[in-house]
Amino acid sequence: MTDARLAIAAAKEAGAEEYAAEDLHAAEAYLDSAKRNLSEKAYGPARRDATLAKEKARKALEASEGSDEKK
């Protein structure tokens, strides 16, 4: 989950809240789900959701970085 948290932070820093809000919010929702699953000792679903969170955050980061190139 640390990787997902770091990826979300990087996306936010790159401006994902403005340029890729949908992917960023999805990443945050998956991370929240991973935390809930972990607290319920549902380790497989927690890992899956953390991975999805990281993927969505990376997508948001890429979209945000791409928006800088268009300016």
C-alpha atoms as a PDB file:
ATOM      1  CA  MET A   1       0.000   0.000   0.000  1.00  0.00           C
ATOM      2  CA  THR A   2       2.954   2.286   0.467  1.00  0.00           C
ATOM      3  CA  ASP A   3       3.582   2.240  -3.280  1.00  0.00           C
ATOM      4  CA  ALA A   4      -0.032   3.256  -3.902  1.00  0.00           C
ATOM      5  CA  ARG A   5       0.168   6.092  -1.361  1.00  0.00           C
ATOM      6  CA  LEU A   6       3.385   7.378  -2.933  1.00  0.00           C
ATOM      7  CA  ALA A   7       1.934   7.152  -6.435  1.00  0.00           C
ATOM      8  CA  ILE A   8      -1.142   9.104  -5.355  1.00  0.00           C
ATOM      9  CA  ALA A   9       1.026  11.764  -3.732  1.00  0.00           C
ATOM     10  CA  ALA A  10       3.121  12.073  -6.901  1.00  0.00           C
ATOM     11  CA  ALA A  11       0.002  12.385  -9.038  1.00  0.00           C
ATOM     12  CA  LYS A  12      -1.372  15.108  -6.792  1.00  0.00           C
ATOM     13  CA  GLU A  13       1.923  16.967  -6.920  1.00  0.00           C
ATOM     14  CA  ALA A  14       1.841  16.812 -10.724  1.00  0.00           C
ATOM     15  CA  GLY A  15      -1.621  18.399 -10.798  1.00  0.00           C
ATOM     16  CA  ALA A  16      -3.811  15.324 -11.193  1.00  0.00           C
ATOM     17  CA  GLU A  17      -6.610  16.958  -9.235  1.00  0.00           C
ATOM     18  CA  GLU A  18      -6.977  19.350 -12.169  1.00  0.00           C
ATOM     19  CA  TYR A  19      -5.924  17.230 -15.150  1.00  0.00           C
ATOM     20  CA  ALA A  20      -6.913  13.674 -14.202  1.00  0.00           C
ATOM     21  CA  ALA A  21      -9.410  13.972 -11.375  1.00  0.00           C
ATOM     22  CA  GLU A  22     -11.364  10.846 -12.310  1.00  0.00           C
ATOM     23  CA  ASP A  23      -8.319   8.576 -12.219  1.00  0.00           C
ATOM     24  CA  LEU A  24      -7.033  10.231  -9.054  1.00  0.00           C
ATOM     25  CA  HIS A  25     -10.351   9.772  -7.258  1.00  0.00           C
ATOM     26  CA  ALA A  26     -10.488   6.153  -8.410  1.00  0.00           C
ATOM     27  CA  ALA A  27      -6.989   5.606  -7.034  1.00  0.00           C
ATOM     28  CA  GLU A  28      -8.006   7.080  -3.686  1.00  0.00           C
ATOM     29  CA  ALA A  29     -11.149   4.934  -3.588  1.00  0.00           C
ATOM     30  CA  TYR A  30      -9.150   1.777  -4.305  1.00  0.00           C
ATOM     31  CA  LEU A  31      -6.677   2.714  -1.585  1.00  0.00           C
ATOM     32  CA  ASP A  32      -9.512   3.233   0.900  1.00  0.00           C
ATOM     33  CA  SER A  33     -10.914  -0.152  -0.071  1.00  0.00           C
ATOM     34  CA  ALA A  34      -7.487  -1.753   0.371  1.00  0.00           C
ATOM     35  CA  LYS A  35      -7.241  -0.277   3.868  1.00  0.00           C
ATOM     36  CA  ARG A  36     -10.705  -1.599   4.779  1.00  0.00           C
ATOM     37  CA  ASN A  37      -9.882  -5.040   3.420  1.00  0.00           C
ATOM     38  CA  LEU A  38      -6.615  -5.094   5.315  1.00  0.00           C
ATOM     39  CA  SER A  39      -8.350  -4.198   8.566  1.00  0.00           C
ATOM     40  CA  GLU A  40     -10.757  -7.093   7.928  1.00  0.00           C
ATOM     41  CA  LYS A  41      -7.809  -9.429   7.253  1.00  0.00           C
ATOM     42  CA  ALA A  42      -8.920  -9.880   3.642  1.00  0.00           C
ATOM     43  CA  TYR A  43      -5.364  -9.865   2.362  1.00  0.00           C
ATOM     44  CA  GLY A  44      -5.974 -10.936  -1.237  1.00  0.00           C
ATOM     45  CA  PRO A  45      -8.565  -8.236  -1.938  1.00  0.00           C
ATOM     46  CA  ALA A  46      -6.422  -5.698  -0.070  1.00  0.00           C
ATOM     47  CA  ARG A  47      -3.452  -6.471  -2.319  1.00  0.00           C
ATOM     48  CA  ARG A  48      -5.621  -6.328  -5.441  1.00  0.00           C
ATOM     49  CA  ASP A  49      -7.097  -2.947  -4.484  1.00  0.00           C
ATOM     50  CA  ALA A  50      -3.700  -1.523  -3.560  1.00  0.00           C
ATOM     51  CA  THR A  51      -2.375  -2.594  -6.956  1.00  0.00           C
ATOM     52  CA  LEU A  52      -5.352  -1.019  -8.712  1.00  0.00           C
ATOM     53  CA  ALA A  53      -4.843   2.167  -6.699  1.00  0.00           C
ATOM     54  CA  LYS A  54      -1.230   2.354  -7.820  1.00  0.00           C
ATOM     55  CA  GLU A  55      -2.182   1.743 -11.454  1.00  0.00           C
ATOM     56  CA  LYS A  56      -4.860   4.456 -11.411  1.00  0.00           C
ATOM     57  CA  ALA A  57      -2.492   6.886  -9.700  1.00  0.00           C
ATOM     58  CA  ARG A  58       0.175   6.240 -12.337  1.00  0.00           C
ATOM     59  CA  LYS A  59      -2.398   6.825 -15.054  1.00  0.00           C
ATOM     60  CA  ALA A  60      -3.367  10.105 -13.393  1.00  0.00           C
ATOM     61  CA  LEU A  61       0.283  11.087 -13.140  1.00  0.00           C
ATOM     62  CA  GLU A  62       0.896  10.337 -16.811  1.00  0.00           C
ATOM     63  CA  ALA A  63      -2.162  12.360 -17.809  1.00  0.00           C
ATOM     64  CA  SER A  64      -1.023  15.267 -15.664  1.00  0.00           C
ATOM     65  CA  GLU A  65       2.486  15.194 -17.074  1.00  0.00           C
ATOM     66  CA  GLY A  66       1.056  15.019 -20.593  1.00  0.00           C
ATOM     67  CA  SER A  67      -1.017  18.122 -19.912  1.00  0.00           C
ATOM     68  CA  ASP A  68       2.172  20.077 -19.178  1.00  0.00           C
ATOM     69  CA  GLU A  69       3.527  19.188 -22.609  1.00  0.00           C
ATOM     70  CA  LYS A  70       0.410  20.603 -24.295  1.00  0.00           C
ATOM     71  CA  LYS A  71       0.852  24.037 -22.732  1.00  0.00           C
END
